[in-house]
Amino acid sequence: MKEFLEWHNDIRGEKTVEALKKNHFKACYCKERKEAIEKILNEVPARSVIGVGGSWTVSELGVLKELEARGHTILNHGKPGLSPEEKMEIRRKQLTSDVFITGTNAVTMDGQLVNVDGTGNRVAAMIFGPGRVIVVAGVNKVVKNVEEGLGRIRQTAAPINNRRLGTANPCTLTGECMDCMGPGRICNATVILNKKPTMTDIHVFLVGEEMGF
């Protein structure tokens, strides 16, 4: 059974990577996390300051530990013990980091990146500011098109992330988006990168494993 799942992941992953390249993104398919870490490390220049978007995929990958071991400064507003003021300062610094590493809520098989943000710092940094943007996604994030990507966010990513963050939003009870209106809503900014923004170097690493939500 495993070999058939791997075959299916590989086919979908490679097709998606080719579509991303046609849309002017740099992109590659990695069968395993270890391969992805090695390739990402090769894309990070020495002494770079690294910004980190709020991403369970990036945390799960383990690449941040490798970067810290190499002596990089890591701008991660998700570190425990930070005050709201400290988190905001880090978010602003991420916008001008040398390299910004983040996940994506969905990547379409026609080569688009689909994201919904609460604060907007993650999607803002993906569009313009950092010297280089590295996007990491597991094959579970691959969808047919933008409509399916937005559906995936409503049905999977948003409820799980709300639960993880401990919000009081209704999706933490229902398990699906309810288009809530409360102040703690985390689905406020929807950004679809149809093609690579003109002045931003974006490299997408698609991994042949399930990662993130």
Protein backbone atom coordinates (compact mmCIF):
# COMPACT_ATOMS: atom_id res chain seq x y z
CA MET A 1 0.00 0.00 0.00
CA LYS A 2 2.79 2.44 0.90
CA GLU A 3 4.36 2.22 -2.55
CA PHE A 4 1.06 3.16 -4.22
CA LEU A 5 0.60 6.14 -1.90
CA GLU A 6 4.15 7.27 -2.59
CA TRP A 7 3.56 6.92 -6.34
CA HIS A 8 0.43 9.07 -6.10
CA ASN A 9 2.22 11.68 -3.98
CA ASP A 10 5.09 11.80 -6.45
CA ILE A 11 2.84 12.23 -9.48
CA ARG A 12 0.80 15.02 -7.90
CA GLY A 13 3.85 16.68 -6.42
CA GLU A 14 5.85 16.73 -9.63
CA LYS A 15 2.90 18.04 -11.67
CA THR A 16 2.36 20.80 -9.13
CA VAL A 17 6.04 21.77 -9.19
CA GLU A 18 5.98 22.04 -12.99
CA ALA A 19 2.91 24.29 -12.79
CA LEU A 20 4.61 26.49 -10.17
CA LYS A 21 7.62 26.86 -12.46
CA LYS A 22 5.38 27.94 -15.33
CA ASN A 23 4.06 30.65 -13.02
CA HIS A 24 7.66 31.81 -12.48
CA PHE A 25 8.17 30.41 -8.98
CA LYS A 26 11.30 28.44 -8.26
CA ALA A 27 10.07 25.05 -7.13
CA CYS A 28 11.24 21.54 -6.42
CA TYR A 29 9.74 18.28 -5.20
CA CYS A 30 11.41 16.43 -2.33
CA LYS A 31 10.31 12.90 -1.55
CA GLU A 32 11.29 13.18 2.12
CA ARG A 33 11.79 15.84 4.79
CA LYS A 34 15.52 15.15 5.06
CA GLU A 35 15.97 16.05 1.41
CA ALA A 36 13.93 19.21 1.86
CA ILE A 37 16.03 20.35 4.83
CA GLU A 38 19.26 19.85 2.90
CA LYS A 39 17.99 21.84 -0.09
CA ILE A 40 16.58 24.63 2.04
CA LEU A 41 19.87 25.01 3.91
CA ASN A 42 21.60 25.41 0.56
CA GLU A 43 19.26 28.31 -0.27
CA VAL A 44 20.11 30.26 2.90
CA PRO A 45 23.24 32.44 2.61
CA ALA A 46 25.68 32.59 5.51
CA ARG A 47 24.86 35.10 8.26
CA SER A 48 21.35 35.65 6.94
CA VAL A 49 18.68 36.90 9.32
CA ILE A 50 15.75 34.47 9.11
CA GLY A 51 12.12 35.53 9.49
CA VAL A 52 9.58 32.81 10.29
CA GLY A 53 5.89 32.94 9.41
CA GLY A 54 3.52 31.26 11.84
CA SER A 55 3.67 27.75 10.38
CA TRP A 56 3.22 24.32 11.92
CA THR A 57 4.79 22.84 8.79
CA VAL A 58 8.03 24.77 9.30
CA SER A 59 8.13 23.80 12.99
CA GLU A 60 7.46 20.17 12.13
CA LEU A 61 10.16 20.11 9.46
CA GLY A 62 12.89 20.89 11.99
CA VAL A 63 14.86 23.20 9.72
CA LEU A 64 14.91 26.03 12.28
CA LYS A 65 17.08 23.97 14.64
CA GLU A 66 19.55 23.43 11.82
CA LEU A 67 19.61 27.15 11.04
CA GLU A 68 20.12 28.07 14.70
CA ALA A 69 23.00 25.61 14.87
CA ARG A 70 24.59 27.42 11.93
CA GLY A 71 24.44 30.68 13.87
CA HIS A 72 21.60 32.43 12.07
CA THR A 73 19.45 35.01 13.85
CA ILE A 74 15.89 33.66 13.88
CA LEU A 75 12.98 36.11 14.03
CA ASN A 76 10.20 33.91 15.37
CA HIS A 77 7.23 35.65 16.99
CA GLY A 78 5.91 32.25 18.08
CA LYS A 79 8.61 31.67 20.69
CA PRO A 80 7.19 31.14 24.20
CA GLY A 81 7.38 33.93 26.75
CA LEU A 82 7.20 36.91 24.39
CA SER A 83 5.01 39.88 25.26
CA PRO A 84 2.49 41.20 22.68
CA GLU A 85 4.81 44.17 22.10
CA GLU A 86 7.79 41.91 21.48
CA LYS A 87 5.78 39.77 19.07
CA MET A 88 4.73 42.83 17.09
CA GLU A 89 8.32 44.10 16.88
CA ILE A 90 9.47 40.71 15.57
CA ARG A 91 6.67 40.62 12.98
CA ARG A 92 7.79 43.99 11.64
CA LYS A 93 11.43 42.89 11.45
CA GLN A 94 10.39 39.77 9.53
CA LEU A 95 9.22 42.00 6.68
CA THR A 96 12.81 43.04 5.96
CA SER A 97 14.58 39.77 6.87
CA ASP A 98 17.18 38.30 4.53
CA VAL A 99 15.20 35.08 4.21
CA PHE A 100 11.57 34.49 5.18
CA ILE A 101 10.51 30.87 5.75
CA THR A 102 6.84 29.96 5.87
CA GLY A 103 4.24 27.38 4.99
CA THR A 104 1.17 27.79 2.82
CA ASN A 105 -2.44 26.83 3.45
CA ALA A 106 -2.80 25.32 -0.01
CA VAL A 107 -0.91 24.95 -3.29
CA THR A 108 -2.88 24.30 -6.44
CA MET A 109 -2.02 21.86 -9.20
CA ASP A 110 -2.10 24.77 -11.63
CA GLY A 111 0.66 26.49 -9.66
CA GLN A 112 -0.93 29.00 -7.28
CA LEU A 113 -0.45 29.59 -3.55
CA VAL A 114 -3.60 30.14 -1.46
CA ASN A 115 -3.43 31.62 2.04
CA VAL A 116 -5.70 33.14 4.66
CA ASP A 117 -4.17 35.14 7.53
CA GLY A 118 -5.39 36.69 10.72
CA THR A 119 -2.86 39.48 11.21
CA GLY A 120 -1.52 39.58 7.65
CA ASN A 121 2.20 39.63 8.47
CA ARG A 122 2.78 36.20 6.92
CA VAL A 123 1.11 36.92 3.59
CA ALA A 124 2.62 40.42 3.48
CA ALA A 125 6.14 39.01 3.79
CA MET A 126 5.40 36.42 1.10
CA ILE A 127 4.58 39.19 -1.37
CA PHE A 128 7.30 41.80 -0.84
CA GLY A 129 10.05 42.74 1.59
CA PRO A 130 12.38 39.87 2.48
CA GLY A 131 15.39 39.19 0.29
CA ARG A 132 14.20 35.63 -0.34
CA VAL A 133 11.03 33.73 0.52
CA ILE A 134 11.06 29.98 1.12
CA VAL A 135 7.68 28.23 1.17
CA VAL A 136 7.40 24.67 2.48
CA ALA A 137 4.36 22.43 1.99
CA GLY A 138 3.52 18.77 2.44
CA VAL A 139 1.58 16.95 -0.29
CA ASN A 140 -1.53 17.14 1.91
CA LYS A 141 -1.66 20.84 0.94
CA VAL A 142 -1.96 20.07 -2.79
CA VAL A 143 -5.41 20.85 -4.20
CA LYS A 144 -6.92 20.99 -7.67
CA ASN A 145 -7.59 24.73 -7.87
CA VAL A 146 -8.14 27.93 -5.87
CA GLU A 147 -11.76 27.06 -5.05
CA GLU A 148 -10.66 23.73 -3.59
CA GLY A 149 -7.85 25.49 -1.75
CA LEU A 150 -10.25 27.92 -0.06
CA GLY A 151 -12.49 24.98 0.81
CA ARG A 152 -9.55 23.19 2.37
CA ILE A 153 -8.82 26.24 4.52
CA ARG A 154 -12.43 26.49 5.70
CA GLN A 155 -12.84 22.80 6.43
CA THR A 156 -9.38 21.83 7.71
CA ALA A 157 -6.72 24.49 8.24
CA ALA A 158 -8.80 27.18 9.95
CA PRO A 159 -10.60 24.97 12.50
CA ILE A 160 -7.41 23.11 13.46
CA ASN A 161 -5.36 26.28 13.76
CA ASN A 162 -8.08 27.93 15.85
CA ARG A 163 -8.07 24.91 18.13
CA ARG A 164 -4.26 24.98 18.33
CA LEU A 165 -4.27 28.70 19.20
CA GLY A 166 -7.02 28.29 21.77
CA THR A 167 -9.38 30.88 20.30
CA ALA A 168 -13.02 31.20 21.26
CA ASN A 169 -14.17 31.07 17.65
CA PRO A 170 -17.11 28.76 16.83
CA CYS A 171 -15.11 26.52 14.48
CA THR A 172 -13.31 25.11 17.54
CA LEU A 173 -16.65 23.50 18.44
CA THR A 174 -18.13 22.73 15.01
CA GLY A 175 -14.90 21.69 13.24
CA GLU A 176 -15.66 23.86 10.22
CA CYS A 177 -15.61 27.55 9.32
CA MET A 178 -18.68 29.50 10.49
CA ASP A 179 -17.68 32.89 9.00
CA CYS A 180 -17.48 34.29 12.52
CA MET A 181 -17.45 38.01 13.31
CA GLY A 182 -15.66 38.11 16.68
CA PRO A 183 -12.48 40.07 17.49
CA GLY A 184 -10.47 36.85 17.72
CA ARG A 185 -11.19 35.82 14.13
CA ILE A 186 -8.02 34.55 12.39
CA CYS A 187 -9.39 34.51 8.82
CA ASN A 188 -9.10 38.17 7.82
CA ALA A 189 -6.77 38.47 4.83
CA THR A 190 -7.08 36.17 1.82
CA VAL A 191 -4.13 36.24 -0.57
CA ILE A 192 -3.79 34.22 -3.77
CA LEU A 193 -0.41 34.29 -5.47
CA ASN A 194 -1.46 33.52 -9.03
CA LYS A 195 2.12 33.98 -10.18
CA LYS A 196 5.38 35.00 -8.54
CA PRO A 197 5.35 38.67 -7.49
CA THR A 198 7.74 40.54 -9.81
CA MET A 199 10.38 41.62 -7.32
CA THR A 200 10.27 38.74 -4.84
CA ASP A 201 12.45 35.62 -5.02
CA ILE A 202 10.14 32.76 -3.99
CA HIS A 203 11.24 29.13 -3.81
CA VAL A 204 8.57 26.51 -3.07
CA PHE A 205 9.64 23.17 -1.58
CA LEU A 206 6.93 20.54 -1.91
CA VAL A 207 7.54 17.49 0.29
CA GLY A 208 6.11 14.05 -0.45
CA GLU A 209 4.79 13.61 3.11
CA GLU A 210 1.89 14.97 5.13
CA MET A 211 2.98 18.05 7.03
CA GLY A 212 1.07 20.75 8.87
CA PHE A 213 -2.67 21.35 8.81
